[in-house]
Amino acid sequence: MIRIENVHKRFGRFTALNGVDLAVEQGESLALWGINGAGKSTLIRCVLGLIRFEGRVTICGVDVQRDGKAARALIGYVPQELGFYDDLRVADAVRFFARLRGLRRVDSGSTLGRVDLAGHERKRVRELSGGMKQRLALAISLLGDPPVLVLDEVTASLDAAGREEFVGLLGGLRSGGRTLLFASHRPEEVLSLASRVAMMKEGRVERLCAPDSLPGKPRTVHSIKIRLAPPHAGRARAAIDLLVAGGFEARMNGVGLVVRVDEHRKAIPVRLLADARIAVDDFELLSAEQASACKEGHP
């Protein structure tokens, strides 16, 4: 389905890719894993035929450098940074990108229904949340029913609830036989979606491994205390239910909520509450001693 053969790419004196060889079979899901600068996004741009490179990449036997238009017609692509016209209505955005793909007729309602956006056709793109915009991008990538889906760190800007929902949609596509090539730095996404992982470092594929062989590191967990602003203080139960649905451990403590969060997710609970129009009066990161006292029931 996807063949990547001895691909090299240099930007001046910098070698971004150094002899990459990979194959992704039909119905397989391959994750590209590595730190920033490992070459993941550059490799994706080569697969899409967006930049010149040495070596060969084919999609279903079509060479992306010799016949880029035909190769890209076989690919649905979701980038990390979305580029929509915010004043367009959602249905018009679908029709606009359908025309760019050479599709004369498209049922925007059915297209949006595939990603749980049915009923939002008349909204302006600017009125959508970040997660809804990402689902719109996924719907557009599926126009024309391409057999290959390529994604580049697509959940990087989503909150916990948005990531879970988006990964669930991708899982359904994978189960339906779609071939996936995606870059991610989130172990939970790789474990959920990938059948194999290409470990990349300094422009090379160091090794191929199973998703459960990913190198992990201990989670750093913090507790934050959130005080709701009047008149929202009476909505503590609703706030806890919202945070639990978003994947957080939350409980009431005195006049506030205590929420356990991973190191890089400390701001997400506040954002979830704000999106639900539950105003936050104040919040603080608790020390280990304070967190322990809260667990014992002290305010």
Protein backbone atom coordinates (compact mmCIF):
# COMPACT_ATOMS: atom_id res chain seq x y z
CA MET A 1 0.00 0.00 0.00
CA ILE A 2 2.72 2.50 1.05
CA ARG A 3 6.34 1.83 0.05
CA ILE A 4 9.14 4.10 1.28
CA GLU A 5 12.49 3.13 -0.21
CA ASN A 6 15.88 4.62 0.75
CA VAL A 7 14.48 8.11 1.27
CA HIS A 8 16.96 10.92 1.95
CA LYS A 9 16.14 14.57 2.52
CA ARG A 10 18.55 17.41 3.26
CA PHE A 11 17.87 21.04 4.05
CA GLY A 12 21.18 22.72 3.29
CA ARG A 13 23.74 20.98 5.48
CA PHE A 14 21.11 19.44 7.74
CA THR A 15 20.12 15.85 7.02
CA ALA A 16 16.45 15.44 7.96
CA LEU A 17 16.04 11.91 6.58
CA ASN A 18 18.86 9.46 6.12
CA GLY A 19 17.96 6.31 4.20
CA VAL A 20 14.44 5.55 5.46
CA ASP A 21 12.89 2.25 4.37
CA LEU A 22 9.33 1.40 5.44
CA ALA A 23 6.32 -0.50 4.15
CA VAL A 24 2.73 -0.15 5.33
CA GLU A 25 0.42 -2.93 4.19
CA GLN A 26 -3.27 -2.60 3.38
CA GLY A 27 -5.33 -2.23 6.54
CA GLU A 28 -2.25 -1.71 8.70
CA SER A 29 -1.70 1.24 11.06
CA LEU A 30 1.91 2.42 11.42
CA ALA A 31 2.89 5.01 14.03
CA LEU A 32 5.95 7.23 13.62
CA TRP A 33 7.51 7.79 17.05
CA GLY A 34 10.38 10.02 18.08
CA ILE A 35 11.35 13.33 19.64
CA ASN A 36 10.94 16.65 17.82
CA GLY A 37 13.46 16.75 14.98
CA ALA A 38 13.53 12.97 14.52
CA GLY A 39 12.16 13.35 10.98
CA LYS A 40 8.52 12.30 11.42
CA SER A 41 6.87 15.34 9.82
CA THR A 42 9.47 15.53 7.05
CA LEU A 43 8.79 11.89 6.17
CA ILE A 44 5.05 12.61 6.04
CA ARG A 45 5.66 15.54 3.68
CA CYS A 46 7.67 13.21 1.45
CA VAL A 47 4.86 10.63 1.45
CA LEU A 48 2.46 13.39 0.40
CA GLY A 49 4.82 14.48 -2.37
CA LEU A 50 4.97 18.02 -1.02
CA ILE A 51 8.78 18.27 -1.06
CA ARG A 52 11.49 16.86 -3.30
CA PHE A 53 13.64 14.05 -1.92
CA GLU A 54 16.03 11.31 -2.94
CA GLY A 55 14.67 7.78 -3.03
CA ARG A 56 11.21 6.50 -3.87
CA VAL A 57 7.74 6.58 -2.30
CA THR A 58 4.73 4.86 -3.84
CA ILE A 59 1.07 4.76 -2.82
CA CYS A 60 -0.73 1.71 -4.20
CA GLY A 61 2.05 1.52 -6.80
CA VAL A 62 1.79 5.20 -7.82
CA ASP A 63 5.05 7.15 -7.52
CA VAL A 64 4.47 10.35 -5.55
CA GLN A 65 7.21 12.28 -7.36
CA ARG A 66 6.34 11.16 -10.89
CA ASP A 67 2.55 11.39 -10.54
CA GLY A 68 1.88 13.38 -7.39
CA LYS A 69 -1.70 14.29 -8.24
CA ALA A 70 -2.74 10.67 -8.72
CA ALA A 71 -0.90 9.60 -5.56
CA ARG A 72 -2.50 12.32 -3.44
CA ALA A 73 -5.96 11.29 -4.71
CA LEU A 74 -5.37 8.03 -2.80
CA ILE A 75 -4.56 9.83 0.47
CA GLY A 76 -6.66 11.59 3.06
CA TYR A 77 -4.49 13.98 5.06
CA VAL A 78 -5.12 15.63 8.43
CA PRO A 79 -2.41 18.14 9.44
CA GLN A 80 -1.50 19.36 12.91
CA GLU A 81 -2.25 22.98 12.01
CA LEU A 82 -5.67 23.41 10.41
CA GLY A 83 -6.31 25.93 7.67
CA PHE A 84 -10.00 26.78 7.30
CA TYR A 85 -11.84 29.91 6.22
CA ASP A 86 -13.50 30.77 9.52
CA ASP A 87 -16.40 32.68 7.94
CA LEU A 88 -17.54 29.68 5.86
CA ARG A 89 -20.42 27.60 7.07
CA VAL A 90 -19.47 24.02 7.86
CA ALA A 91 -21.42 22.53 4.95
CA ASP A 92 -19.90 25.09 2.56
CA ALA A 93 -16.41 24.16 3.80
CA VAL A 94 -17.10 20.52 2.93
CA ARG A 95 -18.33 21.46 -0.54
CA PHE A 96 -15.36 23.80 -1.10
CA PHE A 97 -12.79 21.11 -0.36
CA ALA A 98 -14.79 18.56 -2.35
CA ARG A 99 -14.44 20.78 -5.42
CA LEU A 100 -10.70 21.06 -4.79
CA ARG A 101 -10.56 17.25 -4.90
CA GLY A 102 -12.48 17.23 -8.18
CA LEU A 103 -15.70 15.85 -6.68
CA ARG A 104 -18.75 17.34 -8.38
CA ARG A 105 -21.39 16.16 -5.93
CA VAL A 106 -21.08 15.53 -2.22
CA ASP A 107 -23.66 15.00 0.50
CA SER A 108 -22.35 17.30 3.22
CA GLY A 109 -24.81 15.95 5.80
CA SER A 110 -23.68 12.38 5.29
CA THR A 111 -20.03 13.44 5.23
CA LEU A 112 -20.37 15.27 8.55
CA GLY A 113 -22.39 12.44 10.07
CA ARG A 114 -19.40 10.12 9.69
CA VAL A 115 -17.53 12.21 12.29
CA ASP A 116 -20.48 13.03 14.59
CA LEU A 117 -20.98 16.56 13.23
CA ALA A 118 -24.48 16.04 11.85
CA GLY A 119 -26.66 19.02 12.68
CA HIS A 120 -23.81 21.53 12.58
CA GLU A 121 -23.99 22.25 8.85
CA ARG A 122 -25.17 25.86 9.26
CA LYS A 123 -22.59 26.88 11.86
CA ARG A 124 -19.66 29.09 10.90
CA VAL A 125 -16.33 27.32 11.18
CA ARG A 126 -15.24 29.89 13.77
CA GLU A 127 -18.10 28.74 16.03
CA LEU A 128 -16.70 25.20 16.30
CA SER A 129 -14.59 24.05 19.22
CA GLY A 130 -11.06 22.80 18.61
CA GLY A 131 -12.20 19.19 18.72
CA MET A 132 -15.04 19.85 16.28
CA LYS A 133 -12.68 21.58 13.85
CA GLN A 134 -10.40 18.55 14.00
CA ARG A 135 -13.35 16.29 13.24
CA LEU A 136 -14.27 18.56 10.33
CA ALA A 137 -10.72 18.15 9.02
CA LEU A 138 -11.11 14.38 9.31
CA ALA A 139 -14.42 14.48 7.42
CA ILE A 140 -12.77 16.48 4.63
CA SER A 141 -9.83 14.07 4.49
CA LEU A 142 -12.28 11.23 3.83
CA LEU A 143 -13.88 12.92 0.79
CA GLY A 144 -13.57 10.61 -2.18
CA ASP A 145 -13.07 7.63 0.15
CA PRO A 146 -9.24 7.43 -0.10
CA PRO A 147 -7.75 4.07 1.01
CA VAL A 148 -4.87 5.71 2.92
CA LEU A 149 -5.12 8.16 5.81
CA VAL A 150 -2.06 10.21 6.88
CA LEU A 151 -2.07 12.22 10.10
CA ASP A 152 0.57 14.46 11.66
CA GLU A 153 0.26 15.01 15.45
CA VAL A 154 -3.43 15.74 14.99
CA THR A 155 -4.43 15.62 18.66
CA ALA A 156 -1.60 17.83 19.96
CA SER A 157 -3.90 20.79 20.65
CA LEU A 158 -6.94 18.87 21.91
CA ASP A 159 -8.05 18.43 25.50
CA ALA A 160 -8.51 14.99 27.07
CA ALA A 161 -12.13 14.61 26.02
CA GLY A 162 -11.41 15.79 22.47
CA ARG A 163 -8.47 13.41 22.10
CA GLU A 164 -10.48 10.44 23.31
CA GLU A 165 -13.31 11.20 20.90
CA PHE A 166 -10.99 11.74 17.94
CA VAL A 167 -8.96 8.60 18.61
CA GLY A 168 -12.23 6.67 18.81
CA LEU A 169 -13.17 7.87 15.32
CA LEU A 170 -9.77 6.84 13.97
CA GLY A 171 -10.13 3.45 15.62
CA GLY A 172 -13.39 2.94 13.76
CA LEU A 173 -11.71 3.80 10.46
CA ARG A 174 -8.89 1.38 11.17
CA SER A 175 -11.37 -1.36 12.01
CA GLY A 176 -13.07 -0.64 8.69
CA GLY A 177 -9.90 -1.51 6.79
CA ARG A 178 -8.40 1.96 6.26
CA THR A 179 -4.59 2.12 6.09
CA LEU A 180 -3.14 4.62 8.58
CA LEU A 181 0.24 6.32 8.77
CA PHE A 182 0.45 8.75 11.66
CA ALA A 183 2.94 10.64 13.80
CA SER A 184 2.24 10.92 17.51
CA HIS A 185 4.03 11.58 20.78
CA ARG A 186 1.24 10.20 22.97
CA PRO A 187 1.70 6.57 24.09
CA GLU A 188 -2.03 6.09 24.67
CA GLU A 189 -2.79 6.97 21.04
CA VAL A 190 -0.15 4.60 19.71
CA LEU A 191 -1.42 1.78 21.93
CA SER A 192 -4.99 2.40 20.75
CA LEU A 193 -4.35 2.76 17.03
CA ALA A 194 -1.05 1.29 15.87
CA SER A 195 -0.33 -2.25 14.76
CA ARG A 196 3.40 -1.38 14.47
CA VAL A 197 5.65 1.49 15.53
CA ALA A 198 8.62 2.95 13.62
CA MET A 199 11.05 4.37 16.18
CA MET A 200 12.78 7.34 14.53
CA LYS A 201 15.94 9.14 15.60
CA GLU A 202 18.04 11.69 13.70
CA GLY A 203 16.33 10.93 10.39
CA ARG A 204 16.61 7.15 10.60
CA VAL A 205 14.27 4.33 11.56
CA GLU A 206 16.13 2.78 14.47
CA ARG A 207 13.77 -0.16 14.79
CA LEU A 208 10.24 -1.41 14.24
CA CYS A 209 8.41 -2.68 17.28
CA ALA A 210 5.01 -3.55 18.70
CA PRO A 211 3.07 -0.70 20.36
CA ASP A 212 3.45 -2.26 23.81
CA SER A 213 7.24 -2.06 23.43
CA LEU A 214 7.25 1.75 23.52
CA PRO A 215 9.74 3.13 26.00
CA GLY A 216 7.78 4.71 28.83
CA LYS A 217 8.58 6.99 31.68
CA PRO A 218 6.85 7.35 35.05
CA ARG A 219 3.89 9.71 35.10
CA THR A 220 4.30 12.88 37.10
CA VAL A 221 0.93 13.49 38.75
CA HIS A 222 -0.08 16.71 40.49
CA SER A 223 -3.16 17.81 42.39
CA ILE A 224 -4.76 21.16 41.76
CA LYS A 225 -7.46 22.85 43.84
CA ILE A 226 -10.13 24.74 41.94
CA ARG A 227 -12.51 27.25 43.55
CA LEU A 228 -15.68 27.93 41.57
CA ALA A 229 -16.91 31.52 41.29
CA PRO A 230 -20.35 32.53 42.59
CA PRO A 231 -23.03 31.73 41.50
CA HIS A 232 -21.34 28.62 40.10
CA ALA A 233 -20.20 27.34 43.50
CA GLY A 234 -23.46 25.37 43.71
CA ARG A 235 -22.53 23.52 40.53
CA ALA A 236 -19.69 21.53 42.08
CA ARG A 237 -21.36 18.19 41.32
CA ALA A 238 -21.86 19.15 37.66
CA ALA A 239 -18.22 20.29 37.50
CA ILE A 240 -16.99 16.98 38.95
CA ASP A 241 -19.11 14.97 36.50
CA LEU A 242 -17.69 17.03 33.63
CA LEU A 243 -14.07 16.51 34.76
CA VAL A 244 -14.56 12.78 35.34
CA ALA A 245 -16.04 12.46 31.84
CA GLY A 246 -12.90 14.22 30.58
CA GLY A 247 -10.69 11.54 32.10
CA PHE A 248 -9.75 13.22 35.39
CA GLU A 249 -9.99 12.08 38.99
CA ALA A 250 -11.91 14.84 40.79
CA ARG A 251 -13.60 15.21 44.16
CA MET A 252 -15.12 17.89 46.39
CA ASN A 253 -13.02 19.33 49.21
CA GLY A 254 -14.36 22.12 51.40
CA VAL A 255 -15.31 25.01 49.14
CA GLY A 256 -13.35 23.73 46.18
CA LEU A 257 -12.58 20.78 43.95
CA VAL A 258 -9.36 18.76 43.98
CA VAL A 259 -8.32 17.32 40.63
CA ARG A 260 -5.41 14.97 39.88
CA VAL A 261 -3.62 15.84 36.64
CA ASP A 262 -0.60 14.72 34.65
CA GLU A 263 2.38 17.08 34.39
CA HIS A 264 1.46 18.41 30.95
CA ARG A 265 -2.32 18.63 31.49
CA LYS A 266 -2.55 21.05 34.41
CA ALA A 267 -4.54 23.70 32.49
CA ILE A 268 -7.04 21.35 30.85
CA PRO A 269 -9.52 21.04 33.78
CA VAL A 270 -9.88 24.83 33.97
CA ARG A 271 -10.39 24.98 30.21
CA LEU A 272 -13.05 22.24 30.33
CA LEU A 273 -14.98 24.17 32.99
CA ALA A 274 -14.69 27.42 31.06
CA ASP A 275 -15.99 25.75 27.88
CA ALA A 276 -18.99 24.54 29.91
CA ARG A 277 -19.51 28.13 31.20
CA ILE A 278 -18.68 27.14 34.79
CA ALA A 279 -16.66 30.10 36.04
CA VAL A 280 -13.47 29.51 38.05
CA ASP A 281 -12.68 32.02 40.80
CA ASP A 282 -9.17 30.70 41.57
CA PHE A 283 -6.97 27.61 41.40
CA GLU A 284 -3.66 26.48 42.86
CA LEU A 285 -1.16 23.66 42.45
CA LEU A 286 -0.98 21.73 45.72
CA SER A 287 2.20 20.49 47.34
CA ALA A 288 2.45 16.81 48.25
CA GLU A 289 1.65 17.66 51.86
CA GLN A 290 -1.40 19.75 50.90
CA ALA A 291 -2.65 17.03 48.56
CA SER A 292 -2.29 14.46 51.32
CA ALA A 293 -4.21 16.68 53.75
CA CYS A 294 -7.00 17.10 51.18
CA LYS A 295 -7.16 13.32 50.75
CA GLU A 296 -7.69 13.01 54.50
CA GLY A 297 -10.62 15.41 54.26
CA HIS A 298 -9.03 18.67 55.46
CA PRO A 299 -10.01 21.80 53.39
